[in-house]
Every structure is written in C-alpha cells, then in structure tokens.
Amino acid sequence: MNRIMISIRKWPYISIFIFMVLLASIMWWLSSLLRSDDLAREVLINLSASFLAVIPTVIFIDKLVERHRKYRLRYATEAAHHAMKQLRDHHLRLALTSFRYYIAAGEPEVYTIDLTNDKRRRYTKALKGILLQHEPKDIAQTLTKDEWHHVADSLSRLRSVALEYIVLYQGILESEQLGRLLTMHNAFQELDFTFNLDANAFLMPLNEWAQNKFANEETAREIYGELEFRVSVALYTYLKALDEFSDEIGGVEL
C-alpha cells in the first residue's frame, strides 16, 4: 500500500490517467453486458466517455493551480527579500546615526535624554535590569510611566547600536586595525550594563593574535577565528535578550 501511495505522489498524472482509464474500462465492460436497447447501457457508455474526457481537464486544472502556487510563492519570496532589505537598511541607518552621535557626544545615546540626576540613576538601573533579564514588572515598579516609555524607546536604539557594532567589528577585524579595535573594546567596557563582555577573555586572544600576526600566520588565523566567534556570540546574545525583553513589554501594566 505504501509503495502505491509513493508511486501516486511521484507520478500524479500517470496515476490519474490509469485510474480514469480503469473506470472507463469498467463502465464499458458493464455496458457490454446489457442489451443494446437498454437505457442503462447508454448511461454507462456516456459515463465511460466522461471519465476519459476528465483526464485532460484534471491535468489542465492542476497545471493552473500549480502555476498560481508558484506565482504566489515567487511573489511572496520577492516581497520577503524586499522587506528584509528595507529592514536591514533601516537598522543600519539608525545604527550609523546612533554610533556617530555616540562618538561626537562622547557618551552613549541612551544617556542623552533630559533627566534629573535622580531620574537618570533610576533610568540606568532600569536599563541594567533589562540586560540582566530581570522581570519587566519589577523594573516597571522603579520608574514612572514616562520613564518606562523612555526605556522601551531605548531598546530599539540600543539594538541599532549593537547591530552597528557588529558591522564595525567585522570590518575592523577584516582590515586588522588593532588600535581601532582596542578603542572600540574600551567603549564596550564603559557600557558594562549594555554588553557583558569579559575584558580578559577578549583582550588575551587579541594580544595573542597581534603577537603571532607576522611570526606565525597559521596560529594567528586560528586565534582570529576564536576572537571573531567570541565577539559575535556576545553581540548576538545581547540582541536576543533585547528581542525577548521587547516581546514582554506589552504585558507590563504601570
């Protein structure tokens, strides 16, 4: 039985043809058993002809359905690619703006909101809580409604900055600008509540890579791979934490 079903799925048109011809043959055989003037015989003959006529009709309809399905699939694929491109461009545009502002101001963009010192401390505490994955309701209790909206708004900004850091890190690693890489890493350490990067875990392979860069290229390449892996894991873990927290924000009542 399984072999029959597999054959039907593999050759659908052949299966339809065989099935319809078989039905038509049965109807024709039954009609041959009846008298020539019998009305039932005429009905059976007409049915056998109808079964044979159904074959091209079924194949034609199936072809139309398949063509429509392929068109919808292609349209959906193109639409998805276009949407992803727009999303990627939008994120990079936001990220570049955030990063340029951060460099120009000498401080992370999340601190530029006009808050009093007390509110700023509570705001920073809330951001730390976000990234330590505390419960949103616990964080919400330490903030006013307006401050909470600032926190929610900052999630998208922080995500954009993180995306830009990923792009910049990849570019810096590829171009081997060690000085710039160290500068960016120091900026990471200042944002300790934002990126949970272990300084030693990052700097040790970085130094080993620099020392072996010209002395032992193969060793340097292995260390480079480990370095790139650590950075990517840290950043994408952070992005995942932001996304998970963003999903929970809607359920918080202030």
Protein backbone atom coordinates (compact mmCIF):
# COMPACT_ATOMS: atom_id res chain seq x y z
CA MET A 1 0.00 0.00 0.00
CA ASN A 2 2.84 2.37 0.89
CA ARG A 3 4.51 1.70 -2.46
CA ILE A 4 1.26 2.52 -4.25
CA MET A 5 0.90 5.83 -2.37
CA ILE A 6 4.54 6.73 -3.08
CA SER A 7 4.00 5.98 -6.77
CA ILE A 8 0.87 8.15 -6.85
CA ARG A 9 2.74 11.09 -5.30
CA LYS A 10 5.70 10.59 -7.63
CA TRP A 11 3.69 10.28 -10.85
CA PRO A 12 0.32 12.04 -10.25
CA TYR A 13 -0.65 12.49 -13.91
CA ILE A 14 0.11 8.87 -14.79
CA SER A 15 -1.90 7.78 -11.73
CA ILE A 16 -4.87 9.93 -12.80
CA PHE A 17 -4.68 8.57 -16.34
CA ILE A 18 -4.57 4.94 -15.18
CA PHE A 19 -7.42 5.50 -12.69
CA MET A 20 -9.70 7.18 -15.26
CA VAL A 21 -8.96 4.61 -17.97
CA LEU A 22 -9.68 1.85 -15.47
CA LEU A 23 -13.04 3.40 -14.55
CA ALA A 24 -13.91 3.93 -18.21
CA SER A 25 -13.00 0.31 -18.99
CA ILE A 26 -15.19 -0.95 -16.15
CA MET A 27 -18.12 1.16 -17.36
CA TRP A 28 -17.59 -0.06 -20.94
CA TRP A 29 -17.41 -3.67 -19.81
CA LEU A 30 -20.62 -3.31 -17.78
CA SER A 31 -22.37 -1.72 -20.75
CA SER A 32 -21.36 -4.67 -22.94
CA LEU A 33 -23.28 -7.00 -20.60
CA LEU A 34 -26.55 -5.14 -21.23
CA ARG A 35 -28.88 -5.21 -24.23
CA SER A 36 -28.27 -2.66 -26.97
CA ASP A 37 -31.66 -1.01 -26.40
CA ASP A 38 -31.21 -0.75 -22.64
CA LEU A 39 -31.10 2.82 -21.28
CA ALA A 40 -28.60 1.78 -18.59
CA ARG A 41 -26.19 0.66 -21.31
CA GLU A 42 -26.29 4.13 -22.89
CA VAL A 43 -25.70 5.75 -19.50
CA LEU A 44 -22.67 3.52 -18.84
CA ILE A 45 -21.21 4.30 -22.27
CA ASN A 46 -21.63 8.03 -21.65
CA LEU A 47 -20.00 7.66 -18.23
CA SER A 48 -17.00 5.84 -19.70
CA ALA A 49 -16.57 8.63 -22.26
CA SER A 50 -16.88 11.24 -19.50
CA PHE A 51 -14.16 9.57 -17.44
CA LEU A 52 -11.81 9.70 -20.42
CA ALA A 53 -12.70 13.36 -21.03
CA VAL A 54 -11.95 14.22 -17.40
CA ILE A 55 -8.26 13.29 -17.80
CA PRO A 56 -7.13 16.39 -19.77
CA THR A 57 -9.45 18.62 -17.71
CA VAL A 58 -7.94 17.47 -14.40
CA ILE A 59 -4.40 17.86 -15.73
CA PHE A 60 -5.20 21.36 -17.06
CA ILE A 61 -6.73 22.49 -13.75
CA ASP A 62 -3.82 21.04 -11.80
CA LYS A 63 -1.37 22.88 -14.05
CA LEU A 64 -3.25 26.14 -13.45
CA VAL A 65 -3.23 25.61 -9.67
CA GLU A 66 0.48 24.75 -9.72
CA ARG A 67 1.27 27.81 -11.82
CA HIS A 68 -0.73 30.02 -9.46
CA ARG A 69 1.03 28.49 -6.45
CA LYS A 70 4.45 29.08 -8.00
CA TYR A 71 3.49 32.67 -8.82
CA ARG A 72 2.33 33.30 -5.26
CA LEU A 73 5.48 31.69 -3.89
CA ARG A 74 7.69 33.80 -6.15
CA TYR A 75 5.75 36.96 -5.26
CA ALA A 76 5.97 36.16 -1.54
CA THR A 77 9.69 35.45 -1.83
CA GLU A 78 10.35 38.72 -3.66
CA ALA A 79 8.23 40.61 -1.12
CA ALA A 80 10.12 38.98 1.76
CA HIS A 81 13.50 39.86 0.22
CA HIS A 82 12.34 43.44 -0.31
CA ALA A 83 11.05 43.69 3.27
CA MET A 84 14.28 42.25 4.68
CA LYS A 85 16.34 44.70 2.62
CA GLN A 86 14.25 47.61 3.89
CA LEU A 87 14.57 46.35 7.46
CA ARG A 88 18.33 45.88 7.13
CA ASP A 89 18.77 49.33 5.56
CA HIS A 90 16.61 50.90 8.26
CA HIS A 91 18.58 49.22 11.06
CA LEU A 92 21.92 50.22 9.58
CA ARG A 93 20.74 53.79 9.05
CA LEU A 94 19.60 54.03 12.66
CA ALA A 95 22.75 52.33 13.86
CA LEU A 96 25.07 54.65 11.94
CA THR A 97 23.22 57.69 13.27
CA SER A 98 23.39 56.36 16.83
CA PHE A 99 27.06 55.47 16.56
CA ARG A 100 28.04 58.84 15.05
CA TYR A 101 26.13 60.62 17.79
CA TYR A 102 27.80 58.46 20.42
CA ILE A 103 31.29 59.29 19.10
CA ALA A 104 30.51 63.01 18.77
CA ALA A 105 28.96 63.33 22.23
CA GLY A 106 31.45 61.04 23.94
CA GLU A 107 28.64 59.21 25.69
CA PRO A 108 26.09 56.57 24.78
CA GLU A 109 22.92 57.83 23.18
CA VAL A 110 20.76 56.37 25.94
CA TYR A 111 22.14 58.98 28.36
CA THR A 112 21.15 61.97 26.22
CA ILE A 113 17.54 62.02 27.43
CA ASP A 114 16.90 65.10 29.56
CA LEU A 115 16.54 63.63 33.06
CA THR A 116 17.48 64.83 36.53
CA ASN A 117 20.36 63.04 38.27
CA ASP A 118 17.95 61.01 40.40
CA LYS A 119 15.85 60.00 37.42
CA ARG A 120 18.99 59.27 35.42
CA ARG A 121 20.20 56.87 38.12
CA ARG A 122 16.86 55.08 38.19
CA TYR A 123 16.79 55.03 34.40
CA THR A 124 20.27 53.50 34.26
CA LYS A 125 19.27 50.98 36.91
CA ALA A 126 16.29 50.00 34.78
CA LEU A 127 18.49 49.53 31.72
CA LYS A 128 20.86 47.36 33.75
CA GLY A 129 17.86 45.36 34.89
CA ILE A 130 16.74 44.90 31.31
CA LEU A 131 20.05 43.45 30.26
CA LEU A 132 20.35 41.28 33.36
CA GLN A 133 16.95 39.88 32.31
CA HIS A 134 15.05 40.91 35.40
CA GLU A 135 11.28 40.68 35.26
CA PRO A 136 9.75 43.67 33.37
CA LYS A 137 7.17 44.18 36.12
CA ASP A 138 9.97 44.54 38.70
CA ILE A 139 11.72 47.14 36.58
CA ALA A 140 8.47 48.98 35.92
CA GLN A 141 7.94 49.46 39.66
CA THR A 142 11.09 51.62 39.88
CA LEU A 143 10.05 54.01 37.09
CA THR A 144 7.30 56.44 36.24
CA LYS A 145 5.22 55.80 33.14
CA ASP A 146 7.12 58.40 31.10
CA GLU A 147 10.47 56.95 32.18
CA TRP A 148 9.28 53.48 31.25
CA HIS A 149 8.42 54.73 27.77
CA HIS A 150 11.95 56.11 27.52
CA VAL A 151 13.27 52.67 28.44
CA ALA A 152 11.09 50.98 25.84
CA ASP A 153 12.17 53.51 23.21
CA SER A 154 15.82 52.97 24.08
CA LEU A 155 15.57 49.26 23.35
CA SER A 156 15.36 49.93 19.62
CA ARG A 157 18.21 52.45 19.85
CA LEU A 158 20.41 50.03 21.76
CA ARG A 159 19.63 47.31 19.26
CA SER A 160 20.64 49.59 16.41
CA VAL A 161 23.92 50.45 18.13
CA ALA A 162 24.59 46.75 18.69
CA LEU A 163 23.93 45.99 15.03
CA GLU A 164 26.32 48.74 14.02
CA TYR A 165 28.96 47.42 16.41
CA ILE A 166 28.66 44.02 14.73
CA VAL A 167 29.21 45.57 11.30
CA LEU A 168 32.09 47.72 12.54
CA TYR A 169 33.75 44.84 14.37
CA GLN A 170 33.60 42.66 11.29
CA GLY A 171 35.07 45.44 9.17
CA ILE A 172 37.82 46.20 11.69
CA LEU A 173 38.72 42.54 12.11
CA GLU A 174 38.94 42.11 8.36
CA SER A 175 41.11 45.22 7.92
CA GLU A 176 43.19 44.33 11.02
CA GLN A 177 43.05 47.83 12.54
CA LEU A 178 44.20 46.75 16.00
CA GLY A 179 44.28 50.23 17.53
CA ARG A 180 40.72 50.98 16.49
CA LEU A 181 39.61 47.57 17.69
CA LEU A 182 41.05 48.23 21.16
CA THR A 183 39.39 51.65 21.26
CA MET A 184 36.01 50.14 20.47
CA HIS A 185 36.52 47.43 23.04
CA ASN A 186 37.25 50.07 25.71
CA ALA A 187 33.98 51.75 24.75
CA PHE A 188 32.29 48.38 25.25
CA GLN A 189 33.71 48.12 28.76
CA GLU A 190 32.36 51.56 29.67
CA LEU A 191 28.92 50.34 28.66
CA ASP A 192 29.18 47.43 31.08
CA PHE A 193 25.42 47.37 31.58
CA THR A 194 24.94 47.05 27.84
CA PHE A 195 27.47 44.46 26.72
CA ASN A 196 28.51 41.67 29.04
CA LEU A 197 31.94 41.14 27.51
CA ASP A 198 34.74 39.68 29.61
CA ALA A 199 37.73 42.01 29.08
CA ASN A 200 40.36 39.32 29.65
CA ALA A 201 38.56 36.79 27.50
CA PHE A 202 38.58 39.35 24.71
CA LEU A 203 41.97 41.02 25.15
CA MET A 204 44.04 37.85 25.65
CA PRO A 205 43.23 36.33 22.24
CA LEU A 206 43.52 39.82 20.72
CA ASN A 207 47.07 40.23 22.04
CA GLU A 208 48.00 36.68 21.02
CA TRP A 209 46.70 37.38 17.55
CA ALA A 210 48.75 40.59 17.29
CA GLN A 211 51.92 38.84 18.51
CA ASN A 212 51.54 35.96 16.08
CA LYS A 213 50.33 38.07 13.17
CA PHE A 214 53.68 38.11 11.38
CA ALA A 215 55.57 35.40 13.30
CA ASN A 216 53.12 32.54 12.80
CA GLU A 217 50.34 33.24 10.37
CA GLU A 218 48.56 29.89 10.88
CA THR A 219 48.38 30.36 14.67
CA ALA A 220 47.23 33.94 14.18
CA ARG A 221 44.45 32.74 11.88
CA GLU A 222 43.19 30.26 14.49
CA ILE A 223 43.21 32.92 17.22
CA TYR A 224 41.45 35.34 14.88
CA GLY A 225 38.67 32.80 14.38
CA GLU A 226 38.25 32.40 18.13
CA LEU A 227 38.25 36.18 18.61
CA GLU A 228 35.62 36.73 15.94
CA PHE A 229 33.50 33.92 17.39
CA ARG A 230 33.55 35.42 20.91
CA VAL A 231 32.56 38.85 19.68
CA SER A 232 29.74 37.50 17.52
CA VAL A 233 28.34 35.31 20.32
CA ALA A 234 28.41 38.19 22.81
CA LEU A 235 26.66 40.62 20.48
CA TYR A 236 24.03 38.25 19.14
CA THR A 237 23.27 37.03 22.67
CA TYR A 238 22.66 40.64 23.62
CA LEU A 239 20.38 41.17 20.63
CA LYS A 240 18.41 38.07 21.58
CA ALA A 241 18.00 39.38 25.13
CA LEU A 242 16.70 42.68 23.77
CA ASP A 243 14.23 40.94 21.47
CA GLU A 244 12.93 38.69 24.25
CA PHE A 245 12.51 41.64 26.57
CA SER A 246 10.74 43.67 23.87
CA ASP A 247 8.21 40.86 23.48
CA GLU A 248 7.41 41.09 27.19
CA ILE A 249 6.97 44.86 27.34
CA GLY A 250 3.41 44.70 26.02
CA GLY A 251 2.30 42.73 29.08
CA VAL A 252 3.53 45.25 31.64
CA GLU A 253 0.93 47.40 33.38
CA LEU A 254 2.12 50.61 35.00
